[in-house]
Amino acid sequence: MEVLKDWLGTFWRILVSPSPATFVKEAERAENKMASAIGWAVFISFYSYLLPLMKGPTFNFTILLYMVLILPFVIVLVPSATHFMLQRVFHRKQYLYDRLLYIFTAILILFQLIVNPIGYFAPPAIASTLTYILIAYQFVLFVIAVKAIAKIKYWQSIVSVLASIAAGALIFICTLPFITSMMGTVNRIMR
């Protein structure tokens, strides 16, 4: 229950006061939160998939499975890539992975909770505009958080976040065909 309170408090503080001081203070709560971060990723996978079902599309188990497998993987990978960039490229010695994972997950989950309903229930022109604005704002928050937590310059933070998101997107793009081929193999074996 304490872990849930930490997460909900972090969501609220990021929403109300997204400042460098907030990110540093909230990152201090990051110890032993990897399992709950993955839990939030699984939750947001279901949330992102089930929300459109309210409009009428049919249930597709394969798409749900993709989301439940890939989103937690990306949530773990992006902070890992950021941490790698900080240590290898910008020579930061401090171990920051747990803090980055906690803050990245909090920002991502918070904005997915906001963006998904807008994307599905607002008129298309408004939804796309608001979605792009919120995604850009989310990127800005990632940059501010990395700068504050790692104590680096803004340009270094921008490079780290861009490289991390690119790595996450690449893994997402590469993982999808792999999972598809594995599921096809399982289906052929089961027949």
Protein backbone atom coordinates (compact mmCIF):
# COMPACT_ATOMS: atom_id res chain seq x y z
CA MET A 1 0.00 0.00 0.00
CA GLU A 2 2.93 2.34 0.72
CA VAL A 3 4.25 1.83 -2.81
CA LEU A 4 0.88 2.80 -4.29
CA LYS A 5 0.83 5.94 -2.12
CA ASP A 6 4.32 6.83 -3.38
CA TRP A 7 3.26 6.44 -7.01
CA LEU A 8 0.01 8.37 -6.63
CA GLY A 9 1.79 11.12 -4.72
CA THR A 10 4.46 11.31 -7.41
CA PHE A 11 1.82 11.50 -10.17
CA TRP A 12 0.13 14.35 -8.33
CA ARG A 13 3.33 16.32 -7.62
CA ILE A 14 4.51 15.97 -11.24
CA LEU A 15 1.12 17.15 -12.47
CA VAL A 16 0.92 20.11 -10.07
CA SER A 17 4.58 21.18 -9.89
CA PRO A 18 6.75 19.74 -12.69
CA SER A 19 9.96 21.46 -11.60
CA PRO A 20 13.55 20.20 -11.34
CA ALA A 21 13.25 20.22 -7.54
CA THR A 22 10.14 18.04 -7.74
CA PHE A 23 11.90 15.51 -9.98
CA VAL A 24 14.93 15.30 -7.69
CA LYS A 25 12.77 14.93 -4.58
CA GLU A 26 10.48 12.33 -6.15
CA ALA A 27 13.44 10.38 -7.56
CA GLU A 28 14.54 9.76 -3.97
CA ARG A 29 11.50 7.45 -3.62
CA ALA A 30 12.78 5.21 -6.42
CA GLU A 31 14.37 2.45 -4.39
CA ASN A 32 12.81 -0.99 -5.04
CA LYS A 33 10.17 0.32 -7.44
CA MET A 34 11.07 -1.69 -10.56
CA ALA A 35 8.38 -4.34 -10.00
CA SER A 36 5.73 -1.70 -9.42
CA ALA A 37 6.92 0.23 -12.51
CA ILE A 38 6.39 -2.90 -14.59
CA GLY A 39 3.01 -3.34 -12.89
CA TRP A 40 2.04 0.19 -13.94
CA ALA A 41 3.21 -0.58 -17.48
CA VAL A 42 0.98 -3.66 -17.60
CA PHE A 43 -1.91 -1.63 -16.16
CA ILE A 44 -1.49 1.12 -18.76
CA SER A 45 -1.31 -1.55 -21.50
CA PHE A 46 -4.73 -2.84 -20.48
CA TYR A 47 -6.04 0.70 -20.01
CA SER A 48 -4.80 1.78 -23.44
CA TYR A 49 -6.30 -1.28 -25.07
CA LEU A 50 -9.63 -1.50 -23.26
CA LEU A 51 -10.47 2.19 -23.54
CA PRO A 52 -11.04 2.03 -27.35
CA LEU A 53 -13.23 -1.06 -26.87
CA MET A 54 -15.80 1.25 -25.32
CA LYS A 55 -16.27 2.80 -28.80
CA GLY A 56 -17.05 -0.54 -30.38
CA PRO A 57 -14.02 -2.28 -32.00
CA THR A 58 -13.87 -6.01 -31.42
CA PHE A 59 -11.54 -7.58 -28.89
CA ASN A 60 -8.23 -8.80 -30.35
CA PHE A 61 -6.19 -10.89 -27.93
CA THR A 62 -3.03 -10.70 -30.06
CA ILE A 63 -2.88 -6.90 -29.94
CA LEU A 64 -3.48 -6.95 -26.18
CA LEU A 65 -0.69 -9.49 -25.76
CA TYR A 66 1.68 -7.34 -27.82
CA MET A 67 0.93 -4.33 -25.66
CA VAL A 68 1.32 -6.22 -22.38
CA LEU A 69 4.66 -7.67 -23.48
CA ILE A 70 6.21 -4.72 -25.27
CA LEU A 71 5.22 -1.69 -23.15
CA PRO A 72 6.89 -2.96 -19.94
CA PHE A 73 9.96 -3.82 -22.02
CA VAL A 74 10.13 -0.29 -23.43
CA ILE A 75 9.55 1.25 -19.96
CA VAL A 76 12.55 -0.66 -18.65
CA LEU A 77 14.69 -0.02 -21.73
CA VAL A 78 14.34 3.76 -22.15
CA PRO A 79 15.72 4.64 -18.68
CA SER A 80 18.40 1.99 -19.19
CA ALA A 81 19.49 3.65 -22.43
CA THR A 82 19.44 7.05 -20.70
CA HIS A 83 21.56 5.70 -17.87
CA PHE A 84 23.98 4.18 -20.40
CA MET A 85 24.28 7.54 -22.18
CA LEU A 86 24.88 9.35 -18.91
CA GLN A 87 27.61 6.96 -17.82
CA ARG A 88 29.36 6.20 -21.12
CA VAL A 89 28.96 9.42 -23.08
CA PHE A 90 28.70 12.09 -20.36
CA HIS A 91 30.88 10.27 -17.78
CA ARG A 92 28.51 10.36 -14.81
CA LYS A 93 29.69 7.90 -12.19
CA GLN A 94 26.58 7.83 -10.00
CA TYR A 95 24.11 4.95 -10.43
CA LEU A 96 20.87 6.63 -11.50
CA TYR A 97 18.91 3.86 -13.20
CA ASP A 98 16.35 3.37 -10.40
CA ARG A 99 15.67 7.10 -10.20
CA LEU A 100 15.34 7.44 -13.96
CA LEU A 101 13.06 4.41 -14.17
CA TYR A 102 10.79 5.77 -11.46
CA ILE A 103 10.51 9.27 -12.92
CA PHE A 104 10.22 8.11 -16.55
CA THR A 105 7.50 5.65 -15.59
CA ALA A 106 5.65 8.27 -13.54
CA ILE A 107 5.71 10.78 -16.40
CA LEU A 108 4.72 8.20 -19.01
CA ILE A 109 1.88 6.70 -16.97
CA LEU A 110 0.54 10.10 -15.93
CA PHE A 111 0.38 11.31 -19.51
CA GLN A 112 -1.06 8.06 -20.85
CA LEU A 113 -3.86 8.38 -18.33
CA ILE A 114 -4.57 11.84 -19.78
CA VAL A 115 -3.81 11.33 -23.50
CA ASN A 116 -5.77 8.10 -24.05
CA PRO A 117 -9.21 9.49 -23.15
CA ILE A 118 -8.51 12.64 -25.18
CA GLY A 119 -7.48 10.56 -28.19
CA TYR A 120 -10.56 8.39 -28.11
CA PHE A 121 -13.35 10.65 -26.96
CA ALA A 122 -12.50 14.15 -28.22
CA PRO A 123 -13.24 15.25 -31.79
CA PRO A 124 -10.40 14.10 -34.10
CA ALA A 125 -8.99 17.56 -34.89
CA ILE A 126 -8.89 18.56 -31.23
CA ALA A 127 -7.64 15.15 -30.12
CA SER A 128 -4.67 15.12 -32.50
CA THR A 129 -3.65 18.67 -31.61
CA LEU A 130 -3.89 18.05 -27.86
CA THR A 131 -2.11 14.72 -28.18
CA TYR A 132 0.85 16.30 -29.99
CA ILE A 133 1.04 19.10 -27.44
CA LEU A 134 0.95 16.65 -24.53
CA ILE A 135 3.59 14.39 -26.12
CA ALA A 136 5.86 17.42 -26.65
CA TYR A 137 5.25 18.48 -23.03
CA GLN A 138 6.06 14.95 -21.88
CA PHE A 139 9.38 15.12 -23.78
CA VAL A 140 10.16 18.46 -22.12
CA LEU A 141 9.46 16.90 -18.71
CA PHE A 142 11.79 14.00 -19.51
CA VAL A 143 14.54 16.47 -20.41
CA ILE A 144 14.02 18.54 -17.25
CA ALA A 145 13.96 15.40 -15.10
CA VAL A 146 17.17 13.95 -16.57
CA LYS A 147 18.95 17.30 -16.27
CA ALA A 148 17.90 17.67 -12.64
CA ILE A 149 18.59 14.09 -11.55
CA ALA A 150 21.93 13.69 -13.38
CA LYS A 151 23.07 17.30 -12.86
CA ILE A 152 24.01 17.78 -16.50
CA LYS A 153 23.48 20.55 -19.04
CA TYR A 154 20.26 20.86 -21.01
CA TRP A 155 21.85 19.89 -24.32
CA GLN A 156 23.25 16.73 -22.72
CA SER A 157 19.84 15.91 -21.34
CA ILE A 158 18.20 16.45 -24.73
CA VAL A 159 20.75 14.17 -26.43
CA SER A 160 20.29 11.50 -23.74
CA VAL A 161 16.50 11.56 -23.94
CA LEU A 162 16.41 11.60 -27.75
CA ALA A 163 18.86 8.68 -27.97
CA SER A 164 16.90 6.76 -25.34
CA ILE A 165 13.58 7.28 -27.06
CA ALA A 166 15.15 6.25 -30.37
CA ALA A 167 16.52 3.09 -28.73
CA GLY A 168 13.11 2.37 -27.20
CA ALA A 169 11.38 2.88 -30.55
CA LEU A 170 13.92 0.68 -32.31
CA ILE A 171 13.45 -2.09 -29.77
CA PHE A 172 9.67 -1.71 -30.11
CA ILE A 173 9.90 -1.98 -33.90
CA CYS A 174 12.24 -4.98 -33.71
CA THR A 175 10.38 -6.78 -30.92
CA LEU A 176 6.99 -6.74 -32.63
CA PRO A 177 8.02 -9.01 -35.57
CA PHE A 178 9.94 -11.29 -33.19
CA ILE A 179 6.91 -11.77 -30.94
CA THR A 180 4.71 -12.30 -34.00
CA SER A 181 7.00 -15.02 -35.34
CA MET A 182 7.19 -16.67 -31.91
CA MET A 183 3.40 -16.68 -31.61
CA GLY A 184 3.14 -18.22 -35.09
CA THR A 185 5.62 -20.89 -34.07
CA VAL A 186 3.64 -21.68 -30.93
CA ASN A 187 0.42 -21.92 -32.97
CA ARG A 188 2.06 -24.33 -35.44
CA ILE A 189 3.42 -26.48 -32.61
CA MET A 190 0.06 -26.60 -30.83
CA ARG A 191 -1.76 -27.82 -33.98
